């Protein structure tokens, strides 16, 4: 039946784990009116990561100008203007949380001339000023392929430049119609070739791709110089989002990990609950 959702298998049933840090972070984020992708994208690792005292900050609001069919974040053509105080608030939260490694990401802001690149750089500078020893991973959007915007962010030299291809090229029309697979690969290549940055990318599986297509995309990433990879199970946020084709068993994720390591990826996180920032910084 249309709209009917698959029943989740046992391996996709999370046990809730919270510690005192979870409540502390929840209160801090609420008091500072900061967004995290943990909440906005309904990440299944929210409890684990917050209990470890880590979070991924979401820049430029929690409304996106694109409507990718896999994403839980709301969409609107004209979101509110960027908050000029957000970089300082995020930097303050990083200090208060005593983070050793910070992950930044953002919604797409195609309504802005630079896609929000300047806001990105201001946030990175504020964090480094207040927490100079903290590592920094930036999970960036494609900035519509704007080289000037991309270079603006890359010139700040994050420890890891992350940009997700999300899925295999055959599914882009249905899953990610406002993006380009080849453009995403070129962004990763640019980060390494022109800026010498360590690069990372991620994929979701269970959307109808084949094993061979996933392996082919891994090869494309390696050819683009990408050295870090995440692979996780796609989880349909609502009945109106792209449907889950199948739930990939844990042993298949193990096979993907072995394939990726065999290709030369330096680090691979592959499992049902893996997301882009899962265990970020653990290899630093």
Protein backbone atom coordinates (compact mmCIF):
# COMPACT_ATOMS: atom_id res chain seq x y z
CA UNK A 1 0.00 0.00 0.00
CA UNK A 2 1.25 3.56 -0.74
CA UNK A 3 2.68 5.14 2.36
CA UNK A 4 2.98 1.83 4.22
CA UNK A 5 6.21 1.75 6.22
CA UNK A 6 8.39 -1.27 6.82
CA UNK A 7 8.54 -2.66 10.34
CA UNK A 8 11.91 -2.05 11.94
CA UNK A 9 13.96 -5.16 12.74
CA UNK A 10 15.38 -5.83 16.19
CA UNK A 11 18.80 -4.39 15.40
CA UNK A 12 17.19 -0.98 14.79
CA UNK A 13 15.63 -0.71 18.25
CA UNK A 14 17.70 1.66 20.33
CA UNK A 15 18.10 1.42 24.07
CA UNK A 16 17.81 4.89 25.59
CA UNK A 17 21.04 5.87 27.32
CA UNK A 18 21.28 9.18 29.12
CA UNK A 19 23.65 10.57 31.68
CA UNK A 20 23.86 13.86 33.60
CA UNK A 21 25.61 15.48 30.61
CA UNK A 22 22.48 14.93 28.50
CA UNK A 23 20.37 17.22 30.68
CA UNK A 24 23.16 19.78 30.97
CA UNK A 25 23.52 20.08 27.20
CA UNK A 26 19.76 20.18 26.69
CA UNK A 27 19.44 23.09 29.13
CA UNK A 28 22.42 24.94 27.65
CA UNK A 29 21.12 24.70 24.08
CA UNK A 30 17.66 25.84 25.14
CA UNK A 31 19.02 28.78 27.13
CA UNK A 32 21.17 29.96 24.22
CA UNK A 33 18.52 29.28 21.52
CA UNK A 34 21.02 27.25 19.50
CA UNK A 35 20.08 24.65 16.91
CA UNK A 36 21.71 21.25 16.63
CA UNK A 37 21.37 18.81 13.78
CA UNK A 38 20.93 16.20 16.51
CA UNK A 39 17.41 17.46 17.16
CA UNK A 40 16.51 19.07 13.82
CA UNK A 41 17.39 15.98 11.76
CA UNK A 42 16.04 13.51 14.36
CA UNK A 43 19.42 11.77 14.73
CA UNK A 44 19.14 8.30 16.32
CA UNK A 45 22.40 8.88 18.24
CA UNK A 46 21.17 11.99 20.06
CA UNK A 47 21.03 10.37 23.50
CA UNK A 48 24.42 8.68 23.15
CA UNK A 49 26.26 11.75 21.87
CA UNK A 50 24.70 14.20 24.31
CA UNK A 51 25.45 11.84 27.17
CA UNK A 52 29.09 11.84 26.01
CA UNK A 53 29.03 15.64 26.08
CA UNK A 54 29.17 16.19 22.31
CA UNK A 55 26.82 17.85 19.81
CA UNK A 56 26.76 19.01 16.19
CA UNK A 57 25.80 22.67 15.82
CA UNK A 58 23.43 23.65 13.03
CA UNK A 59 24.17 27.10 11.57
CA UNK A 60 21.90 29.56 9.77
CA UNK A 61 18.63 28.48 11.36
CA UNK A 62 16.70 25.24 11.21
CA UNK A 63 14.81 25.86 7.96
CA UNK A 64 16.34 24.84 4.62
CA UNK A 65 15.73 26.32 1.17
CA UNK A 66 15.80 22.85 -0.38
CA UNK A 67 13.40 19.95 -0.04
CA UNK A 68 15.50 16.80 -0.20
CA UNK A 69 13.15 13.86 0.22
CA UNK A 70 15.25 12.12 2.87
CA UNK A 71 15.69 15.01 5.29
CA UNK A 72 13.62 15.83 8.38
CA UNK A 73 14.59 19.51 8.45
CA UNK A 74 11.80 21.90 7.43
CA UNK A 75 11.93 23.77 4.12
CA UNK A 76 11.04 27.29 3.02
CA UNK A 77 12.15 29.48 0.14
CA UNK A 78 12.74 32.58 2.30
CA UNK A 79 13.94 31.63 5.81
CA UNK A 80 14.65 34.34 8.37
CA UNK A 81 17.95 36.25 7.93
CA UNK A 82 21.04 34.81 9.64
CA UNK A 83 21.45 35.77 13.29
CA UNK A 84 24.65 37.87 13.57
CA UNK A 85 24.99 36.84 17.23
CA UNK A 86 24.92 33.11 16.48
CA UNK A 87 28.71 32.69 15.96
CA UNK A 88 29.44 34.16 19.39
CA UNK A 89 26.70 32.09 21.04
CA UNK A 90 28.04 28.89 19.52
CA UNK A 91 31.58 29.75 20.57
CA UNK A 92 30.30 30.38 24.10
CA UNK A 93 28.50 27.03 24.14
CA UNK A 94 31.63 25.22 22.95
CA UNK A 95 33.56 26.75 25.84
CA UNK A 96 30.83 25.99 28.36
CA UNK A 97 30.60 22.37 27.17
CA UNK A 98 34.42 22.05 27.28
CA UNK A 99 34.45 20.36 23.89
CA UNK A 100 37.69 18.98 22.51
CA UNK A 101 36.21 18.53 19.05
CA UNK A 102 33.44 20.57 17.43
CA UNK A 103 31.26 19.69 14.45
CA UNK A 104 29.52 22.43 12.48
CA UNK A 105 26.93 21.95 9.78
CA UNK A 106 24.18 24.07 8.25
CA UNK A 107 21.01 24.09 6.25
CA UNK A 108 21.22 25.14 2.61
CA UNK A 109 20.69 28.88 2.27
CA UNK A 110 20.30 29.36 -1.46
CA UNK A 111 18.49 32.65 -0.69
CA UNK A 112 21.79 34.24 0.38
CA UNK A 113 24.31 35.52 -2.22
CA UNK A 114 27.17 33.54 -0.64
CA UNK A 115 24.99 30.67 0.61
CA UNK A 116 25.94 31.62 4.17
CA UNK A 117 29.70 31.15 3.67
CA UNK A 118 30.65 34.33 5.55
CA UNK A 119 28.51 33.26 8.50
CA UNK A 120 30.38 29.94 8.46
CA UNK A 121 33.77 31.69 8.61
CA UNK A 122 32.66 34.02 11.41
CA UNK A 123 31.56 31.03 13.47
CA UNK A 124 34.80 29.15 12.88
CA UNK A 125 36.86 32.19 13.86
CA UNK A 126 34.79 32.76 17.01
CA UNK A 127 35.26 29.14 18.11
CA UNK A 128 39.01 29.24 17.53
CA UNK A 129 39.30 32.48 19.44
CA UNK A 130 37.49 31.13 22.51
CA UNK A 131 38.59 27.46 22.27
CA UNK A 132 41.90 27.43 20.36
CA UNK A 133 42.69 23.81 21.22
CA UNK A 134 39.39 22.39 20.00
CA UNK A 135 39.42 20.38 16.77
CA UNK A 136 36.93 21.42 14.11
CA UNK A 137 35.00 19.42 11.53
CA UNK A 138 32.82 21.26 9.01
CA UNK A 139 30.02 19.37 7.28
CA UNK A 140 29.29 21.87 4.53
CA UNK A 141 26.49 22.23 1.98
CA UNK A 142 27.40 22.57 -1.70
CA UNK A 143 26.93 26.38 -1.81
CA UNK A 144 25.45 25.76 -5.29
CA UNK A 145 28.96 25.07 -6.53
CA UNK A 146 30.05 28.68 -5.87
CA UNK A 147 33.86 28.44 -5.83
CA UNK A 148 34.26 31.78 -4.03
CA UNK A 149 31.96 30.66 -1.21
CA UNK A 150 33.62 27.24 -0.99
CA UNK A 151 37.10 28.77 -0.85
CA UNK A 152 35.98 31.25 1.81
CA UNK A 153 35.13 28.36 4.12
CA UNK A 154 38.01 26.12 3.11
CA UNK A 155 40.53 28.92 3.65
CA UNK A 156 39.69 28.75 7.36
CA UNK A 157 41.27 25.29 7.29
CA UNK A 158 39.01 23.06 9.39
CA UNK A 159 40.66 19.87 10.63
CA UNK A 160 38.15 17.88 8.57
CA UNK A 161 36.12 19.07 5.57
CA UNK A 162 33.01 16.91 5.34
CA UNK A 163 30.54 16.96 2.45
CA UNK A 164 28.08 14.13 1.96
CA UNK A 165 27.19 12.56 -1.36
CA UNK A 166 24.25 10.98 0.54
CA UNK A 167 23.32 8.31 -2.04
CA UNK A 168 24.28 6.73 -5.36
CA UNK A 169 23.92 8.78 -8.59
CA UNK A 170 20.95 6.78 -9.93
CA UNK A 171 18.78 7.88 -7.00
CA UNK A 172 19.62 11.60 -7.07
CA UNK A 173 16.59 12.59 -9.16
CA UNK A 174 14.20 11.12 -6.59
CA UNK A 175 16.17 11.65 -3.39
CA UNK A 176 18.29 14.77 -3.85
CA UNK A 177 16.91 16.55 -6.97
CA UNK A 178 18.37 19.98 -6.18
CA UNK A 179 21.93 18.68 -5.88
CA UNK A 180 24.52 17.13 -8.18
CA UNK A 181 26.51 13.97 -7.49
CA UNK A 182 29.43 15.11 -9.64
CA UNK A 183 29.41 18.54 -8.04
CA UNK A 184 29.65 16.97 -4.60
CA UNK A 185 32.64 14.91 -5.72
CA UNK A 186 34.29 18.04 -7.16
CA UNK A 187 33.87 19.84 -3.81
CA UNK A 188 35.77 17.08 -2.04
CA UNK A 189 38.46 17.12 -4.73
CA UNK A 190 38.77 20.91 -4.40
CA UNK A 191 39.17 20.70 -0.63
CA UNK A 192 42.06 18.26 -0.97
CA UNK A 193 43.74 19.45 -4.17
CA UNK A 194 43.58 23.24 -3.67
CA UNK A 195 43.49 23.45 0.13
CA UNK A 196 45.18 20.28 1.36
CA UNK A 197 42.32 19.46 3.73
CA UNK A 198 41.44 16.04 5.13
CA UNK A 199 38.10 15.14 3.54
CA UNK A 200 35.16 13.05 4.60
CA UNK A 201 31.83 12.02 3.10
CA UNK A 202 28.79 9.97 4.01
CA UNK A 203 26.11 7.81 2.46
CA UNK A 204 22.75 6.39 3.47
CA UNK A 205 21.71 2.90 2.41
CA UNK A 206 18.36 1.18 2.28
CA UNK A 207 16.88 3.54 -0.31
CA UNK A 208 16.90 1.12 -3.24
CA UNK A 209 20.58 1.21 -4.16
CA UNK A 210 22.44 -2.00 -4.97
CA UNK A 211 25.56 -3.27 -3.24
CA UNK A 212 27.51 -2.73 -6.47
CA UNK A 213 26.34 0.89 -6.68
CA UNK A 214 27.51 1.61 -3.14
CA UNK A 215 30.92 0.12 -3.89
CA UNK A 216 31.12 2.17 -7.11
CA UNK A 217 30.37 5.36 -5.15
CA UNK A 218 33.09 4.44 -2.64
CA UNK A 219 35.51 4.22 -5.56
CA UNK A 220 34.34 7.62 -6.84
CA UNK A 221 35.03 9.11 -3.42
CA UNK A 222 38.51 7.62 -3.27
CA UNK A 223 39.25 8.97 -6.77
CA UNK A 224 38.22 12.40 -5.44
CA UNK A 225 40.75 11.95 -2.62
CA UNK A 226 38.23 11.39 0.16
CA UNK A 227 39.86 9.50 3.06
CA UNK A 228 37.06 9.21 5.66
CA UNK A 229 33.68 7.61 5.18
CA UNK A 230 30.41 7.09 7.05
CA UNK A 231 27.65 4.71 5.98
CA UNK A 232 24.35 4.42 7.83
CA UNK A 233 20.81 3.15 7.47
CA UNK A 234 18.30 5.59 5.99
CA UNK A 235 15.38 6.10 8.37
CA UNK A 236 12.23 7.66 6.91
CA UNK A 237 11.37 10.73 9.04
CA UNK A 238 7.66 10.86 8.13
CA UNK A 239 5.22 9.07 5.84
CA UNK A 240 5.60 11.88 3.28
CA UNK A 241 9.37 11.39 2.96
CA UNK A 242 11.18 8.99 0.64
CA UNK A 243 10.28 5.43 1.69
CA UNK A 244 12.73 2.92 3.13
CA UNK A 245 13.26 0.21 0.54
CA UNK A 246 14.87 -2.20 3.01
CA UNK A 247 16.66 -2.37 6.32
CA UNK A 248 20.27 -3.32 5.73
CA UNK A 249 21.51 -6.02 8.16
CA UNK A 250 24.54 -5.30 10.36
CA UNK A 251 26.71 -7.87 8.58
CA UNK A 252 26.27 -6.01 5.28
CA UNK A 253 27.53 -2.83 6.95
CA UNK A 254 30.57 -4.85 8.06
CA UNK A 255 31.15 -5.85 4.45
CA UNK A 256 30.93 -2.22 3.34
CA UNK A 257 33.50 -1.32 5.99
CA UNK A 258 35.87 -4.03 4.80
CA UNK A 259 35.45 -2.95 1.16
CA UNK A 260 36.12 0.69 2.05
CA UNK A 261 39.18 -0.04 4.14
CA UNK A 262 40.47 -2.22 1.31
CA UNK A 263 40.18 0.76 -1.03
CA UNK A 264 42.36 2.86 1.24
CA UNK A 265 39.94 4.89 3.34
CA UNK A 266 41.76 5.78 6.55
CA UNK A 267 38.66 5.67 8.77
CA UNK A 268 35.26 4.07 8.14
CA UNK A 269 32.19 4.20 10.37
CA UNK A 270 29.62 1.78 8.96
CA UNK A 271 26.52 0.59 10.81
CA UNK A 272 22.75 0.98 11.07
CA UNK A 273 22.88 4.02 13.36
CA UNK A 274 25.95 5.72 11.91
CA UNK A 275 25.48 9.35 10.88
CA UNK A 276 27.85 11.95 9.47
CA UNK A 277 29.19 13.21 12.77
CA UNK A 278 29.09 9.92 14.67
CA UNK A 279 32.34 9.57 16.69
CA UNK A 280 33.70 12.64 14.89
CA UNK A 281 37.16 13.47 16.13
CA UNK A 282 37.81 9.99 17.49
CA UNK A 283 40.52 9.49 14.90
CA UNK A 284 42.24 12.78 15.70
